[in-house]
N, C-alpha and C. Protein backbone atom coordinates (compact mmCIF):
# COMPACT_ATOMS: atom_id res chain seq x y z
N UNK A 1 89.66 112.72 100.17
CA UNK A 1 88.85 111.68 101.16
C UNK A 1 87.31 111.76 100.73
N UNK A 2 87.14 110.50 100.94
CA UNK A 2 85.67 110.42 100.92
C UNK A 2 84.92 110.75 102.39
N UNK A 3 83.69 110.95 102.39
CA UNK A 3 82.85 111.49 103.60
C UNK A 3 83.19 110.29 104.72
N UNK A 4 83.08 108.83 104.41
CA UNK A 4 83.41 107.99 105.28
C UNK A 4 84.63 107.83 105.56
N UNK A 5 85.70 108.13 104.98
CA UNK A 5 87.19 108.28 105.64
C UNK A 5 87.27 109.44 106.52
N UNK A 6 86.74 110.53 106.14
CA UNK A 6 86.73 111.45 107.11
C UNK A 6 85.95 111.38 108.45
N UNK A 7 85.05 110.89 108.14
CA UNK A 7 83.91 110.54 109.54
C UNK A 7 84.72 109.68 110.13
N UNK A 8 85.39 108.49 109.40
CA UNK A 8 86.03 107.41 110.24
C UNK A 8 87.22 107.90 111.08
N UNK A 9 87.85 108.95 110.68
CA UNK A 9 89.06 109.79 111.47
C UNK A 9 88.61 110.37 112.31
N UNK A 10 87.46 111.21 112.14
CA UNK A 10 87.01 112.04 113.39
C UNK A 10 86.51 110.93 114.33
N UNK A 11 85.82 110.05 114.24
CA UNK A 11 85.27 108.95 115.15
C UNK A 11 86.37 108.44 115.83
N UNK A 12 87.65 108.02 115.15
CA UNK A 12 88.75 107.48 115.84
C UNK A 12 89.15 108.39 116.53
N UNK A 13 89.32 109.55 116.43
CA UNK A 13 90.03 110.96 117.08
C UNK A 13 89.20 111.15 118.31
N UNK A 14 87.87 111.01 118.20
CA UNK A 14 86.94 111.18 119.11
C UNK A 14 87.21 109.84 120.40
N UNK A 15 87.42 108.88 119.64
CA UNK A 15 87.54 107.81 120.63
C UNK A 15 88.96 107.90 121.28
N UNK A 16 89.95 108.51 120.82
CA UNK A 16 91.13 108.60 121.49
C UNK A 16 91.14 109.62 122.36
N UNK A 17 90.31 110.51 122.33
CA UNK A 17 90.23 111.76 123.26
C UNK A 17 89.55 111.14 124.62
N UNK A 18 88.38 110.31 124.40
CA UNK A 18 87.63 109.81 125.47
C UNK A 18 88.60 108.78 126.24
N UNK A 19 89.46 107.77 125.55
CA UNK A 19 90.18 107.13 126.09
C UNK A 19 91.33 107.82 126.94
N UNK A 20 91.80 108.75 126.42
CA UNK A 20 93.06 109.79 127.21
C UNK A 20 92.32 110.20 128.47
N UNK A 21 90.92 110.49 128.59
CA UNK A 21 90.26 111.17 129.50
C UNK A 21 89.59 110.10 130.44
N UNK A 22 90.02 108.68 130.33
CA UNK A 22 89.57 107.53 130.91
C UNK A 22 87.91 107.49 130.93
N UNK A 23 87.39 107.71 129.74
CA UNK A 23 86.05 107.56 129.49
C UNK A 23 85.88 106.51 128.44
N UNK A 24 86.32 105.14 128.91
CA UNK A 24 86.34 104.08 128.01
C UNK A 24 85.15 103.60 127.19
N UNK A 25 83.89 103.64 128.00
CA UNK A 25 82.59 103.37 127.21
C UNK A 25 82.42 104.11 126.23
N UNK A 26 82.64 105.55 126.21
CA UNK A 26 82.42 106.40 125.11
C UNK A 26 83.58 106.05 124.13
N UNK A 27 84.73 105.81 124.66
CA UNK A 27 86.09 105.63 123.58
C UNK A 27 85.58 104.62 122.56
N UNK A 28 84.95 103.44 123.52
CA UNK A 28 84.64 102.34 122.46
C UNK A 28 83.68 102.34 121.56
N UNK A 29 82.63 103.40 122.15
CA UNK A 29 81.42 103.83 121.09
C UNK A 29 82.08 104.24 119.81
N UNK A 30 83.03 105.38 120.17
CA UNK A 30 83.58 105.95 118.83
C UNK A 30 84.26 105.09 118.00
N UNK A 31 85.13 104.05 118.75
CA UNK A 31 86.00 103.36 117.98
C UNK A 31 85.24 102.49 117.33
N UNK A 32 84.13 102.01 117.63
CA UNK A 32 83.30 100.91 116.92
C UNK A 32 82.65 101.91 115.63
N UNK A 33 82.16 103.09 115.96
CA UNK A 33 81.74 103.83 114.86
C UNK A 33 82.83 104.05 113.84
N UNK A 34 84.03 104.31 114.29
CA UNK A 34 85.22 104.47 113.51
C UNK A 34 85.58 103.22 112.22
N UNK A 35 85.24 102.28 112.99
CA UNK A 35 85.57 100.94 112.20
C UNK A 35 84.35 100.97 111.23
N UNK A 36 83.14 101.02 111.52
CA UNK A 36 81.99 100.98 110.39
C UNK A 36 82.20 101.96 109.44
N UNK A 37 82.81 102.97 109.74
CA UNK A 37 83.14 104.02 108.60
C UNK A 37 84.11 103.72 107.69
N UNK A 38 85.33 103.32 108.33
CA UNK A 38 86.19 102.85 107.47
C UNK A 38 85.94 101.51 106.67
N UNK A 39 85.36 100.81 107.07
CA UNK A 39 84.95 99.55 106.12
C UNK A 39 84.07 99.87 105.08
N UNK A 40 83.23 100.96 105.44
CA UNK A 40 82.23 101.61 104.20
C UNK A 40 83.20 102.04 103.44
N UNK A 41 84.26 102.95 103.70
CA UNK A 41 85.27 103.39 102.76
C UNK A 41 86.43 102.43 102.21
N UNK A 42 86.35 101.21 102.70
CA UNK A 42 87.36 100.17 102.29
C UNK A 42 88.52 100.59 102.72
N UNK A 43 88.82 101.08 103.85
CA UNK A 43 89.91 101.77 104.25
C UNK A 43 90.53 100.56 105.53
N UNK A 44 91.12 99.57 105.01
CA UNK A 44 91.27 98.45 105.94
C UNK A 44 92.71 98.90 106.64
N UNK A 45 93.43 99.51 106.36
CA UNK A 45 94.99 99.88 107.25
C UNK A 45 94.44 100.55 108.32
N UNK A 46 93.55 101.70 108.17
CA UNK A 46 92.66 102.12 109.06
C UNK A 46 91.86 101.61 110.13
N UNK A 47 91.28 100.77 109.62
CA UNK A 47 90.40 99.71 110.61
C UNK A 47 91.46 99.02 111.37
N UNK A 48 92.72 98.68 110.85
CA UNK A 48 93.74 97.85 111.74
C UNK A 48 94.18 98.88 112.64
N UNK A 49 94.36 99.95 112.49
CA UNK A 49 94.85 100.98 113.09
C UNK A 49 93.72 101.31 114.43
N UNK A 50 92.64 101.37 114.34
CA UNK A 50 91.57 101.53 115.30
C UNK A 50 91.45 100.34 115.86
N UNK A 51 91.67 98.99 115.45
CA UNK A 51 91.57 97.84 116.20
C UNK A 51 92.74 97.60 117.24
N UNK A 52 93.87 98.26 116.84
CA UNK A 52 95.18 98.56 117.58
C UNK A 52 94.61 99.40 118.84
N UNK A 53 94.11 100.46 118.49
CA UNK A 53 93.57 101.35 119.60
C UNK A 53 92.52 100.78 120.65
N UNK A 54 91.71 100.08 120.15
CA UNK A 54 90.81 99.12 120.83
C UNK A 54 91.55 98.27 121.87
N UNK A 55 92.25 97.46 121.31
CA UNK A 55 93.46 96.62 122.30
C UNK A 55 94.19 97.24 123.10
N UNK A 56 94.52 98.62 122.96
CA UNK A 56 95.36 99.43 123.67
C UNK A 56 94.27 99.59 125.04
N UNK A 57 93.01 100.00 124.49
CA UNK A 57 92.14 100.18 125.74
C UNK A 57 91.98 99.03 126.41
N UNK A 58 91.54 97.97 125.89
CA UNK A 58 91.31 96.72 126.71
C UNK A 58 92.57 96.58 127.49
N UNK A 59 93.68 96.66 127.07
CA UNK A 59 95.12 96.28 127.88
C UNK A 59 95.04 97.12 129.13
N UNK A 60 94.69 98.50 128.63
CA UNK A 60 94.64 99.47 130.13
C UNK A 60 93.67 99.12 131.14
N UNK A 61 92.84 98.16 130.75
CA UNK A 61 91.70 97.68 131.64
C UNK A 61 92.02 96.45 132.40
N UNK A 62 93.19 95.65 131.88
CA UNK A 62 93.62 94.29 131.86
C UNK A 62 92.63 93.39 131.75
N UNK A 63 92.30 93.52 130.52
CA UNK A 63 91.07 92.68 129.92
C UNK A 63 92.16 92.03 128.83
N UNK A 64 92.95 91.36 129.21
CA UNK A 64 94.09 90.83 128.23
C UNK A 64 93.46 89.83 126.94
N UNK A 65 92.08 89.22 127.08
CA UNK A 65 91.66 88.42 125.91
C UNK A 65 91.19 89.42 125.14
N UNK A 66 90.40 90.26 125.62
CA UNK A 66 89.72 91.24 124.31
C UNK A 66 91.13 92.13 123.77
N UNK A 67 92.03 92.32 124.31
CA UNK A 67 93.06 93.15 123.97
C UNK A 67 93.67 92.21 122.96
N UNK A 68 94.08 91.15 123.34
CA UNK A 68 94.83 90.22 122.34
C UNK A 68 93.84 90.01 120.99
N UNK A 69 92.59 89.71 121.14
CA UNK A 69 91.56 89.36 119.97
C UNK A 69 91.86 90.85 119.15
N UNK A 70 91.68 91.94 119.64
CA UNK A 70 91.84 93.04 118.77
C UNK A 70 93.27 93.15 118.20
N UNK A 71 94.20 92.68 118.92
CA UNK A 71 95.71 92.73 118.21
C UNK A 71 95.69 91.58 117.24
N UNK A 72 95.09 90.78 117.35
CA UNK A 72 95.20 89.62 116.17
C UNK A 72 94.58 90.10 115.06
N UNK A 73 93.29 90.73 115.11
CA UNK A 73 92.66 91.41 113.90
C UNK A 73 93.44 92.18 113.40
N UNK A 74 94.10 93.25 114.07
CA UNK A 74 94.87 94.22 113.62
C UNK A 74 95.96 93.71 112.62
N UNK A 75 96.83 92.70 113.24
CA UNK A 75 97.96 92.18 112.66
C UNK A 75 97.39 91.42 111.29
N UNK A 76 96.33 90.49 111.35
CA UNK A 76 95.54 90.08 110.31
C UNK A 76 95.83 91.08 109.30
N UNK A 77 95.29 92.15 109.18
CA UNK A 77 95.14 93.02 108.30
C UNK A 77 96.41 93.75 107.75
N UNK A 78 97.06 93.75 108.81
CA UNK A 78 98.46 94.44 108.25
C UNK A 78 99.33 93.32 107.70
N UNK A 79 99.10 91.99 107.71
CA UNK A 79 99.94 91.00 106.91
C UNK A 79 99.49 91.02 105.66
N UNK A 80 98.18 91.20 105.45
CA UNK A 80 97.26 91.20 103.95
C UNK A 80 97.80 92.27 103.33
N UNK A 81 98.15 93.36 103.90
CA UNK A 81 98.66 94.52 103.22
C UNK A 81 99.95 94.93 103.24
N UNK A 82 100.70 93.82 103.84
CA UNK A 82 102.36 93.80 104.04
C UNK A 82 102.58 95.43 104.35
N UNK A 83 102.02 95.61 105.48
CA UNK A 83 102.48 96.94 106.31
C UNK A 83 103.42 96.60 107.36
N UNK A 84 104.65 96.64 106.90
CA UNK A 84 105.65 96.13 107.94
C UNK A 84 105.95 96.86 108.95
N UNK A 85 105.77 98.20 109.13
CA UNK A 85 106.02 99.02 110.26
C UNK A 85 104.81 98.70 111.44
N UNK A 86 103.67 98.87 110.83
CA UNK A 86 102.44 98.41 111.95
C UNK A 86 102.54 97.15 112.14
N UNK A 87 102.80 96.43 111.29
CA UNK A 87 102.93 94.81 111.83
C UNK A 87 104.06 94.53 113.01
N UNK A 88 105.29 95.09 112.70
CA UNK A 88 106.31 95.15 113.75
C UNK A 88 105.82 95.62 114.97
N UNK A 89 104.91 96.57 114.93
CA UNK A 89 104.70 97.61 116.20
C UNK A 89 103.65 96.67 116.83
N UNK A 90 102.61 95.92 115.87
CA UNK A 90 101.48 95.24 116.66
C UNK A 90 102.08 93.98 117.19
N UNK A 91 102.92 93.20 116.55
CA UNK A 91 103.56 92.10 116.96
C UNK A 91 104.12 92.53 118.47
N UNK A 92 104.84 93.64 118.64
CA UNK A 92 105.30 94.05 119.93
C UNK A 92 104.31 94.28 121.00
N UNK A 93 103.18 95.03 120.53
CA UNK A 93 102.08 95.25 121.35
C UNK A 93 101.36 93.93 121.99
N UNK A 94 101.40 93.03 120.99
CA UNK A 94 100.58 91.78 121.27
C UNK A 94 101.37 90.91 122.37
N UNK A 95 102.84 90.83 122.21
CA UNK A 95 103.65 90.39 123.24
C UNK A 95 103.65 91.17 124.55
N UNK A 96 103.43 92.11 124.47
CA UNK A 96 103.19 92.87 125.96
C UNK A 96 101.88 92.32 126.67
N UNK A 97 101.00 92.20 125.63
CA UNK A 97 99.53 91.66 126.26
C UNK A 97 99.86 90.24 126.79
N UNK A 98 100.58 89.42 125.83
CA UNK A 98 100.77 87.85 126.04
C UNK A 98 101.85 87.57 127.18
N UNK A 99 102.46 88.44 127.57
CA UNK A 99 103.36 88.50 128.75
C UNK A 99 102.50 88.18 130.02
N UNK A 100 101.70 88.73 130.42
CA UNK A 100 100.66 88.17 131.32
C UNK A 100 100.11 87.07 131.13
N UNK A 101 99.78 86.47 130.21
CA UNK A 101 98.97 85.16 130.10
C UNK A 101 99.86 83.98 129.38
N UNK A 102 100.93 84.27 128.57
CA UNK A 102 101.38 83.16 127.76
C UNK A 102 102.56 83.30 127.12
N UNK A 103 103.61 83.44 128.07
CA UNK A 103 104.85 83.99 127.86
C UNK A 103 105.58 83.16 126.58
N UNK A 104 105.33 82.05 126.36
CA UNK A 104 106.01 81.50 125.18
C UNK A 104 105.47 82.28 123.88
N UNK A 105 104.19 82.42 123.89
CA UNK A 105 103.72 82.98 122.70
C UNK A 105 104.05 84.43 122.62
N UNK A 106 104.75 85.27 123.78
CA UNK A 106 104.97 86.56 123.82
C UNK A 106 106.28 86.49 123.03
N UNK A 107 107.10 85.42 123.45
CA UNK A 107 108.31 85.47 123.01
C UNK A 107 108.59 85.66 121.30
N UNK A 108 107.48 84.68 121.09
CA UNK A 108 107.50 84.52 119.52
C UNK A 108 107.05 85.77 118.77
N UNK A 109 106.16 86.49 119.39
CA UNK A 109 105.87 87.89 118.60
C UNK A 109 106.71 88.75 118.89
N UNK A 110 107.52 89.07 120.03
CA UNK A 110 108.64 90.03 120.21
C UNK A 110 109.77 89.41 119.30
N UNK A 111 110.20 88.32 119.04
CA UNK A 111 110.98 87.83 118.14
C UNK A 111 110.69 88.38 116.73
N UNK A 112 109.32 88.16 116.28
CA UNK A 112 108.94 88.64 114.96
C UNK A 112 109.08 90.24 114.67
N UNK A 113 108.68 90.62 115.70
CA UNK A 113 108.68 92.28 115.80
C UNK A 113 110.22 92.67 115.57
N UNK A 114 111.03 92.17 116.55
CA UNK A 114 112.41 92.53 116.23
C UNK A 114 113.07 92.24 114.84
N UNK A 115 112.56 91.13 114.36
CA UNK A 115 113.02 90.72 112.75
C UNK A 115 112.53 91.78 111.75
N UNK A 116 111.70 92.42 111.97
CA UNK A 116 110.84 93.34 111.44
C UNK A 116 111.67 94.77 111.28
N UNK A 117 111.80 94.84 112.74
CA UNK A 117 112.66 96.34 113.22
C UNK A 117 114.00 96.52 112.67
N UNK A 118 114.56 95.20 112.56
CA UNK A 118 115.99 95.11 111.83
C UNK A 118 115.81 95.02 110.12
N UNK A 119 114.69 94.41 109.68
CA UNK A 119 114.57 94.57 108.25
C UNK A 119 114.14 95.86 107.78
N UNK A 120 113.41 96.82 108.59
CA UNK A 120 112.96 97.97 107.78
C UNK A 120 114.01 99.19 108.65
N UNK A 121 114.82 98.68 109.42
CA UNK A 121 115.73 99.52 109.74
C UNK A 121 115.25 100.58 110.68
N UNK A 122 114.46 100.16 111.69
CA UNK A 122 113.59 101.43 112.59
C UNK A 122 114.37 100.92 113.99
N UNK A 123 115.09 101.95 114.35
CA UNK A 123 115.94 101.78 115.50
C UNK A 123 114.93 102.04 116.62
N UNK A 124 113.96 102.85 116.86
CA UNK A 124 113.27 102.99 118.15
C UNK A 124 112.46 101.65 118.13
N UNK A 125 112.02 101.09 117.13
CA UNK A 125 111.18 99.87 117.37
C UNK A 125 112.16 98.90 117.72
N UNK A 126 113.20 98.69 117.02
CA UNK A 126 114.28 97.57 117.65
C UNK A 126 114.73 97.63 119.12
N UNK A 127 114.98 98.90 119.36
CA UNK A 127 115.60 99.26 120.96
C UNK A 127 114.10 98.90 121.81
N UNK A 128 113.03 99.48 121.44
CA UNK A 128 111.98 99.15 122.31
C UNK A 128 111.39 97.71 122.61
N UNK A 129 111.55 96.75 121.37
CA UNK A 129 111.32 95.31 121.18
C UNK A 129 112.31 94.74 121.94
N UNK A 130 113.58 95.12 121.84
CA UNK A 130 114.57 94.33 122.43
C UNK A 130 114.46 94.51 123.91
N UNK A 131 114.28 95.66 124.57
CA UNK A 131 114.20 95.94 125.73
C UNK A 131 113.07 94.92 126.39
N UNK A 132 111.89 95.09 125.80
CA UNK A 132 110.90 94.41 126.29
C UNK A 132 111.06 92.84 126.26
N UNK A 133 111.71 92.37 125.22
CA UNK A 133 112.34 90.93 125.22
C UNK A 133 113.05 90.58 126.42
N UNK A 134 114.02 91.50 126.54
CA UNK A 134 114.91 91.11 127.53
C UNK A 134 114.30 91.22 128.84
N UNK A 135 113.18 91.82 129.03
CA UNK A 135 112.55 91.99 130.29
C UNK A 135 111.92 90.67 130.59
N UNK A 136 111.09 90.22 129.61
CA UNK A 136 110.51 88.84 129.45
C UNK A 136 111.84 87.73 129.85
N UNK A 137 112.75 87.97 129.26
CA UNK A 137 113.92 86.84 129.45
C UNK A 137 114.35 86.79 131.07
N UNK A 138 114.31 88.03 131.48
CA UNK A 138 114.81 88.12 132.84
C UNK A 138 113.80 87.51 133.53
N UNK A 139 112.62 87.64 133.59
CA UNK A 139 111.56 86.91 134.25
C UNK A 139 111.40 85.46 134.13
N UNK A 140 111.76 84.96 133.03
CA UNK A 140 112.12 83.65 132.71
C UNK A 140 113.50 82.95 133.16
N UNK A 141 114.42 83.86 133.66
CA UNK A 141 115.65 83.51 134.22
C UNK A 141 116.56 82.76 132.92
N UNK A 142 116.25 83.63 131.77
CA UNK A 142 117.30 83.27 130.74
C UNK A 142 118.17 84.44 130.44
N UNK A 143 119.14 84.32 131.24
CA UNK A 143 120.28 85.16 131.49
C UNK A 143 121.15 85.37 130.43
N UNK A 144 121.42 84.48 129.62
CA UNK A 144 122.21 84.60 128.38
C UNK A 144 121.59 85.47 127.45
N UNK A 145 120.48 85.25 127.21
CA UNK A 145 119.41 85.75 126.10
C UNK A 145 119.18 87.24 126.56
N UNK A 146 119.03 87.47 127.83
CA UNK A 146 118.77 88.75 128.38
C UNK A 146 120.08 89.92 128.07
N UNK A 147 121.13 89.14 128.61
CA UNK A 147 122.46 90.07 128.24
C UNK A 147 122.78 90.24 126.82
N UNK A 148 122.34 89.07 126.12
CA UNK A 148 123.05 89.40 124.42
C UNK A 148 122.04 90.77 124.03
N UNK A 149 120.68 90.70 124.37
CA UNK A 149 119.84 91.69 123.79
C UNK A 149 120.46 93.10 124.58
N UNK A 150 120.61 93.00 125.81
CA UNK A 150 120.99 94.45 126.32
C UNK A 150 122.40 94.82 125.88
N UNK A 151 123.12 93.86 125.49
CA UNK A 151 124.39 94.20 125.03
C UNK A 151 124.42 94.65 123.54
N UNK A 152 123.48 94.14 122.75
CA UNK A 152 123.04 94.93 121.39
C UNK A 152 122.50 95.93 121.21
N UNK A 153 121.70 96.27 122.34
CA UNK A 153 120.97 97.82 122.09
C UNK A 153 121.61 98.78 122.97
N UNK A 154 122.42 98.20 123.87
CA UNK A 154 123.37 99.61 124.77
C UNK A 154 124.09 100.30 123.73
N UNK A 155 125.00 99.90 122.75
CA UNK A 155 125.62 100.70 121.94
C UNK A 155 124.67 101.61 120.99
N UNK A 156 123.49 101.02 120.57
CA UNK A 156 122.34 101.68 119.88
C UNK A 156 121.75 103.20 120.50
N UNK A 157 121.47 102.89 121.79
CA UNK A 157 121.01 103.84 122.50
C UNK A 157 122.36 104.93 122.87
N UNK A 158 123.37 104.48 123.02
CA UNK A 158 124.61 105.49 123.24
C UNK A 158 124.84 106.43 122.06
N UNK A 159 124.64 105.68 120.66
CA UNK A 159 125.04 106.24 119.27
C UNK A 159 124.13 107.40 119.06
N UNK A 160 122.74 106.98 119.45
CA UNK A 160 121.65 107.57 118.80
C UNK A 160 120.57 108.22 119.89
N UNK A 161 121.01 108.24 121.05
CA UNK A 161 120.23 108.77 122.08
C UNK A 161 118.70 108.56 121.79
N UNK A 162 118.40 107.33 121.73
CA UNK A 162 117.19 107.16 121.52
C UNK A 162 116.19 107.21 122.68
N UNK A 163 115.30 108.01 122.48
CA UNK A 163 114.23 108.59 123.61
C UNK A 163 114.24 107.93 124.99
N UNK A 164 112.95 107.80 125.44
CA UNK A 164 113.19 107.51 127.27
C UNK A 164 113.60 106.15 127.56
N UNK A 165 113.35 105.34 126.25
CA UNK A 165 113.95 104.05 126.72
C UNK A 165 115.56 103.99 127.24
N UNK A 166 116.07 104.95 126.61
CA UNK A 166 117.84 104.89 126.91
C UNK A 166 117.99 104.91 128.61
N UNK A 167 117.19 105.42 129.36
CA UNK A 167 117.27 105.16 130.77
C UNK A 167 116.99 103.67 131.20
N UNK A 168 115.78 103.28 130.54
CA UNK A 168 115.25 101.61 130.98
C UNK A 168 116.46 100.85 130.87
N UNK A 169 117.05 101.02 129.55
CA UNK A 169 117.76 100.11 128.99
C UNK A 169 119.08 100.08 129.73
N UNK A 170 119.66 101.48 130.12
CA UNK A 170 120.72 101.40 130.86
C UNK A 170 120.64 100.81 132.29
N UNK A 171 119.52 101.14 132.82
CA UNK A 171 119.21 100.72 134.15
C UNK A 171 119.21 98.96 134.28
N UNK A 172 118.56 98.62 133.03
CA UNK A 172 118.51 97.04 133.22
C UNK A 172 119.73 96.36 132.86
N UNK A 173 120.79 97.08 132.12
CA UNK A 173 121.99 96.73 131.87
C UNK A 173 122.92 96.60 132.92
N UNK A 174 122.62 97.91 134.20
CA UNK A 174 123.28 97.89 135.10
C UNK A 174 122.73 96.80 136.50
N UNK A 175 121.53 96.44 136.22
CA UNK A 175 121.05 95.39 137.18
C UNK A 175 121.52 94.26 136.82
N UNK A 176 121.48 93.93 135.41
CA UNK A 176 122.04 92.78 135.13
C UNK A 176 123.44 92.57 135.60
N UNK A 177 124.46 93.60 135.36
CA UNK A 177 125.78 93.29 136.05
C UNK A 177 125.83 93.22 137.60
N UNK A 178 124.86 94.06 138.32
CA UNK A 178 125.14 93.71 139.53
C UNK A 178 124.39 92.23 140.11
N UNK A 179 123.47 91.55 139.46
CA UNK A 179 123.02 90.74 139.83
C UNK A 179 124.03 89.49 139.59
N UNK A 180 125.09 89.93 138.40
CA UNK A 180 125.81 88.74 138.14
C UNK A 180 127.37 89.08 138.70
N UNK A 181 127.41 89.89 139.62
CA UNK A 181 128.88 90.04 140.51
C UNK A 181 129.62 91.20 139.87
N UNK A 182 129.29 91.65 138.75
CA UNK A 182 130.14 93.03 138.18
C UNK A 182 129.67 94.17 138.72
N UNK A 183 130.04 94.45 139.92
CA UNK A 183 129.74 96.06 140.45
C UNK A 183 130.34 96.99 139.47
N UNK A 184 131.41 96.84 139.09
CA UNK A 184 132.19 98.07 138.51
C UNK A 184 131.41 98.28 137.37
N UNK A 185 131.00 97.39 136.34
CA UNK A 185 130.34 97.71 135.19
C UNK A 185 128.63 98.18 135.54
N UNK A 186 128.20 97.55 136.48
CA UNK A 186 126.96 97.95 137.02
C UNK A 186 126.91 99.58 137.19
N UNK A 187 128.12 100.16 137.94
CA UNK A 187 128.27 101.46 138.33
C UNK A 187 128.32 102.48 137.11
N UNK A 188 128.92 101.74 136.12
CA UNK A 188 128.89 102.55 134.74
C UNK A 188 127.61 103.12 134.19
């Protein structure tokens, strides 16, 4: 590691600490310092990671335009570097932002994230993105698409016990069945 890479990592970590303690102005200051150091070190993937952190900060403030701006910047770098894991994760995060402002665009990015998750065989990303997309379909009253996704991921979480999303998926699946008259399956 050269000094700029190290200083960029330290600055990013300080930004994360300030963000976690709800001191977002200081967090932004350190995130920006991190970007400057990482650019000097020509560490573009780490620049993209910091952009993703800035996007997360703005999303937490309900500043969706700024959050989307930084997500797009991170995605651009991940695409140039063919970083499939972070690209898939960033598509999902951007879709979470766009759900608030542009649902059609959100669906597009969820589908891109899901495609990557399947391609790289990342089960947690697949379950998370599928669940998020199913909730978008529920809002849009796209019943068949919602059910198809829930039906697809339900066996995955049963088989592999995928983290805290298991509860959310099971609950969403039960709600779907209750809402469509199948109380017996909803109780399971």
